[in-house]
Amino acid sequence: MMGEYGPGGGRRVVVLNLPWHTSWQALKQFFASAGEVERADVALDESGKSRGYGTVRYATETQAMNAIRTLNGLDFEGRILTVRMDKYQE
């Protein structure tokens, strides 16, 4: 299905301002409050250190929109998150 955000529709959000020590497991657990998380990833540099952002893919676009509405601006492990639709999703 071709949606506004690519063939997968708008199911993936990008999360900015992650703490450097955040794991994909912690990210997935935190974002599960907004819906069914299919995958969570933290971007890493060449040495394996966090780059401070990640992505979370939901089962539906509605759940992804709920994550933006409910989790954007919240404190996560001492950092205020920015959550928005990932414009580069396939």
N, C-alpha and C. Protein backbone atom coordinates (compact mmCIF):
# COMPACT_ATOMS: atom_id res chain seq x y z
N MET A 1 0.84 -1.19 0.00
CA MET A 1 0.00 0.00 0.00
C MET A 1 0.88 1.25 0.00
N MET A 2 0.64 2.14 -0.92
CA MET A 2 1.43 3.36 -1.02
C MET A 2 0.75 4.47 -0.23
N GLY A 3 1.39 4.89 0.85
CA GLY A 3 0.84 5.95 1.67
C GLY A 3 1.60 7.25 1.45
N GLU A 4 1.25 8.24 2.22
CA GLU A 4 1.91 9.54 2.14
C GLU A 4 3.39 9.42 2.47
N TYR A 5 3.76 8.44 3.31
CA TYR A 5 5.13 8.29 3.77
C TYR A 5 5.84 7.09 3.15
N GLY A 6 5.44 6.66 1.97
CA GLY A 6 6.08 5.53 1.31
C GLY A 6 5.16 4.33 1.28
N PRO A 7 5.64 3.21 0.71
CA PRO A 7 4.79 2.03 0.56
C PRO A 7 4.28 1.46 1.86
N GLY A 8 5.01 1.62 2.95
CA GLY A 8 4.58 1.09 4.24
C GLY A 8 3.61 1.98 4.97
N GLY A 9 3.31 3.15 4.42
CA GLY A 9 2.45 4.09 5.12
C GLY A 9 3.21 4.77 6.23
N GLY A 10 2.54 5.52 7.05
CA GLY A 10 3.18 6.25 8.13
C GLY A 10 3.20 5.47 9.42
N ARG A 11 3.93 4.38 9.46
CA ARG A 11 3.95 3.55 10.67
C ARG A 11 5.22 3.72 11.47
N ARG A 12 6.21 4.43 10.95
CA ARG A 12 7.49 4.57 11.65
C ARG A 12 7.72 6.01 12.08
N VAL A 13 8.09 6.16 13.35
CA VAL A 13 8.41 7.48 13.88
C VAL A 13 9.91 7.55 14.15
N VAL A 14 10.44 8.76 14.05
CA VAL A 14 11.83 8.99 14.42
C VAL A 14 11.83 9.67 15.78
N VAL A 15 12.76 9.28 16.62
CA VAL A 15 12.85 9.79 18.00
C VAL A 15 14.20 10.49 18.15
N LEU A 16 14.15 11.77 18.45
CA LEU A 16 15.37 12.57 18.58
C LEU A 16 15.65 12.90 20.05
N ASN A 17 16.91 13.16 20.35
CA ASN A 17 17.37 13.55 21.68
C ASN A 17 17.39 12.39 22.67
N LEU A 18 17.69 11.18 22.17
CA LEU A 18 17.80 10.02 23.07
C LEU A 18 19.06 10.15 23.92
N PRO A 19 19.00 9.68 25.16
CA PRO A 19 20.23 9.60 25.97
C PRO A 19 21.24 8.67 25.29
N TRP A 20 22.50 8.94 25.47
CA TRP A 20 23.55 8.18 24.79
C TRP A 20 23.57 6.70 25.19
N HIS A 21 23.08 6.38 26.37
CA HIS A 21 23.13 5.00 26.87
C HIS A 21 21.87 4.19 26.54
N THR A 22 20.92 4.76 25.85
CA THR A 22 19.65 4.08 25.59
C THR A 22 19.82 2.86 24.69
N SER A 23 19.17 1.76 25.07
CA SER A 23 19.17 0.54 24.26
C SER A 23 17.88 0.48 23.45
N TRP A 24 17.90 -0.36 22.41
CA TRP A 24 16.67 -0.53 21.63
C TRP A 24 15.57 -1.15 22.49
N GLN A 25 15.95 -1.98 23.47
CA GLN A 25 14.96 -2.61 24.35
C GLN A 25 14.24 -1.56 25.20
N ALA A 26 15.00 -0.61 25.76
CA ALA A 26 14.40 0.45 26.57
C ALA A 26 13.50 1.35 25.72
N LEU A 27 13.95 1.63 24.50
CA LEU A 27 13.15 2.45 23.58
C LEU A 27 11.84 1.75 23.25
N LYS A 28 11.92 0.47 22.93
CA LYS A 28 10.72 -0.30 22.60
C LYS A 28 9.75 -0.34 23.77
N GLN A 29 10.26 -0.57 24.96
CA GLN A 29 9.41 -0.65 26.15
C GLN A 29 8.70 0.68 26.41
N PHE A 30 9.42 1.79 26.29
CA PHE A 30 8.83 3.11 26.53
C PHE A 30 7.75 3.43 25.50
N PHE A 31 8.01 3.11 24.23
CA PHE A 31 7.08 3.45 23.16
C PHE A 31 5.90 2.49 23.05
N ALA A 32 5.96 1.37 23.74
CA ALA A 32 4.85 0.40 23.72
C ALA A 32 3.58 0.99 24.36
N SER A 33 3.71 2.04 25.14
CA SER A 33 2.53 2.66 25.74
C SER A 33 1.61 3.28 24.68
N ALA A 34 2.14 3.54 23.48
CA ALA A 34 1.34 4.17 22.41
C ALA A 34 0.76 3.17 21.43
N GLY A 35 1.19 1.90 21.49
CA GLY A 35 0.68 0.91 20.56
C GLY A 35 1.61 -0.28 20.43
N GLU A 36 1.30 -1.14 19.48
CA GLU A 36 2.08 -2.36 19.25
C GLU A 36 3.34 -2.04 18.46
N VAL A 37 4.49 -2.11 19.13
CA VAL A 37 5.77 -1.82 18.50
C VAL A 37 6.26 -3.07 17.77
N GLU A 38 6.47 -2.94 16.47
CA GLU A 38 7.01 -4.05 15.68
C GLU A 38 8.52 -4.07 15.70
N ARG A 39 9.14 -2.89 15.79
CA ARG A 39 10.59 -2.80 15.79
C ARG A 39 11.03 -1.46 16.38
N ALA A 40 12.12 -1.49 17.13
CA ALA A 40 12.72 -0.27 17.66
C ALA A 40 14.22 -0.36 17.42
N ASP A 41 14.82 0.71 16.94
CA ASP A 41 16.26 0.75 16.66
C ASP A 41 16.85 2.05 17.18
N VAL A 42 18.07 1.95 17.73
CA VAL A 42 18.85 3.12 18.12
C VAL A 42 20.00 3.21 17.14
N ALA A 43 20.17 4.38 16.51
CA ALA A 43 21.25 4.57 15.54
C ALA A 43 22.59 4.58 16.26
N LEU A 44 23.55 3.83 15.71
CA LEU A 44 24.88 3.71 16.32
C LEU A 44 25.94 4.21 15.34
N ASP A 45 27.03 4.75 15.89
CA ASP A 45 28.15 5.15 15.04
C ASP A 45 29.06 3.94 14.78
N GLU A 46 30.17 4.17 14.10
CA GLU A 46 31.08 3.09 13.72
C GLU A 46 31.64 2.33 14.93
N SER A 47 31.75 3.01 16.07
CA SER A 47 32.31 2.38 17.26
C SER A 47 31.24 1.73 18.14
N GLY A 48 29.97 1.80 17.71
CA GLY A 48 28.89 1.18 18.47
C GLY A 48 28.23 2.08 19.50
N LYS A 49 28.60 3.37 19.52
CA LYS A 49 27.99 4.32 20.45
C LYS A 49 26.73 4.92 19.83
N SER A 50 25.77 5.22 20.68
CA SER A 50 24.52 5.82 20.21
C SER A 50 24.78 7.17 19.56
N ARG A 51 24.02 7.44 18.50
CA ARG A 51 24.09 8.74 17.83
C ARG A 51 23.02 9.70 18.36
N GLY A 52 22.22 9.25 19.33
CA GLY A 52 21.25 10.13 19.97
C GLY A 52 19.87 10.16 19.32
N TYR A 53 19.63 9.24 18.39
CA TYR A 53 18.30 9.16 17.79
C TYR A 53 17.99 7.72 17.44
N GLY A 54 16.72 7.47 17.17
CA GLY A 54 16.31 6.12 16.81
C GLY A 54 14.99 6.15 16.07
N THR A 55 14.51 4.95 15.71
CA THR A 55 13.22 4.82 15.04
C THR A 55 12.40 3.74 15.73
N VAL A 56 11.09 3.92 15.67
CA VAL A 56 10.14 2.95 16.21
C VAL A 56 9.08 2.71 15.15
N ARG A 57 8.86 1.44 14.79
CA ARG A 57 7.82 1.10 13.81
C ARG A 57 6.65 0.44 14.53
N TYR A 58 5.45 0.96 14.25
CA TYR A 58 4.22 0.46 14.84
C TYR A 58 3.46 -0.42 13.87
N ALA A 59 2.52 -1.17 14.40
CA ALA A 59 1.68 -2.06 13.59
C ALA A 59 0.76 -1.26 12.66
N THR A 60 0.34 -0.06 13.09
CA THR A 60 -0.57 0.75 12.28
C THR A 60 -0.15 2.22 12.30
N GLU A 61 -0.61 2.94 11.30
CA GLU A 61 -0.36 4.39 11.24
C GLU A 61 -1.04 5.11 12.40
N THR A 62 -2.20 4.64 12.81
CA THR A 62 -2.92 5.24 13.94
C THR A 62 -2.08 5.17 15.21
N GLN A 63 -1.42 4.05 15.43
CA GLN A 63 -0.57 3.90 16.61
C GLN A 63 0.64 4.83 16.53
N ALA A 64 1.21 4.98 15.34
CA ALA A 64 2.34 5.89 15.16
C ALA A 64 1.92 7.33 15.46
N MET A 65 0.75 7.72 14.98
CA MET A 65 0.24 9.07 15.26
C MET A 65 -0.03 9.25 16.74
N ASN A 66 -0.51 8.21 17.40
CA ASN A 66 -0.73 8.26 18.85
C ASN A 66 0.59 8.47 19.58
N ALA A 67 1.67 7.83 19.12
CA ALA A 67 2.98 8.01 19.73
C ALA A 67 3.44 9.46 19.62
N ILE A 68 3.24 10.05 18.45
CA ILE A 68 3.62 11.45 18.26
C ILE A 68 2.82 12.34 19.21
N ARG A 69 1.52 12.10 19.27
CA ARG A 69 0.63 12.93 20.09
C ARG A 69 0.92 12.78 21.58
N THR A 70 1.24 11.56 22.04
CA THR A 70 1.35 11.33 23.49
C THR A 70 2.78 11.33 24.03
N LEU A 71 3.78 11.05 23.18
CA LEU A 71 5.14 10.92 23.69
C LEU A 71 6.07 12.07 23.31
N ASN A 72 5.73 12.85 22.30
CA ASN A 72 6.54 14.01 21.93
C ASN A 72 6.60 14.99 23.10
N GLY A 73 7.80 15.40 23.48
CA GLY A 73 7.96 16.37 24.56
C GLY A 73 8.06 15.76 25.94
N LEU A 74 7.96 14.42 26.04
CA LEU A 74 8.07 13.77 27.35
C LEU A 74 9.53 13.55 27.73
N ASP A 75 9.76 13.44 29.04
CA ASP A 75 11.08 13.12 29.57
C ASP A 75 11.31 11.62 29.48
N PHE A 76 12.42 11.23 28.89
CA PHE A 76 12.83 9.83 28.81
C PHE A 76 14.26 9.73 29.30
N GLU A 77 14.44 9.13 30.46
CA GLU A 77 15.77 8.96 31.06
C GLU A 77 16.53 10.28 31.15
N GLY A 78 15.81 11.35 31.50
CA GLY A 78 16.44 12.65 31.71
C GLY A 78 16.55 13.54 30.49
N ARG A 79 16.03 13.11 29.35
CA ARG A 79 16.08 13.93 28.13
C ARG A 79 14.65 14.14 27.61
N ILE A 80 14.39 15.32 27.06
CA ILE A 80 13.09 15.62 26.47
C ILE A 80 13.11 15.15 25.01
N LEU A 81 12.19 14.24 24.68
CA LEU A 81 12.15 13.64 23.36
C LEU A 81 11.42 14.49 22.34
N THR A 82 11.89 14.41 21.10
CA THR A 82 11.17 14.92 19.95
C THR A 82 10.76 13.69 19.13
N VAL A 83 9.47 13.56 18.89
CA VAL A 83 8.94 12.40 18.15
C VAL A 83 8.16 12.94 16.95
N ARG A 84 8.51 12.45 15.77
CA ARG A 84 7.81 12.88 14.55
C ARG A 84 7.78 11.72 13.56
N MET A 85 6.93 11.85 12.56
CA MET A 85 6.83 10.82 11.53
C MET A 85 8.16 10.77 10.77
N ASP A 86 8.63 9.56 10.49
CA ASP A 86 9.87 9.37 9.75
C ASP A 86 9.59 9.55 8.27
N LYS A 87 10.09 10.63 7.67
CA LYS A 87 9.81 10.92 6.27
C LYS A 87 10.63 10.05 5.31
N TYR A 88 11.56 9.24 5.84
CA TYR A 88 12.41 8.40 4.99
C TYR A 88 12.02 6.92 5.03
N GLN A 89 10.86 6.59 5.58
CA GLN A 89 10.49 5.18 5.67
C GLN A 89 10.14 4.60 4.31
N GLU A 90 10.41 3.28 4.18
CA GLU A 90 10.08 2.59 2.95
C GLU A 90 8.67 2.09 3.02
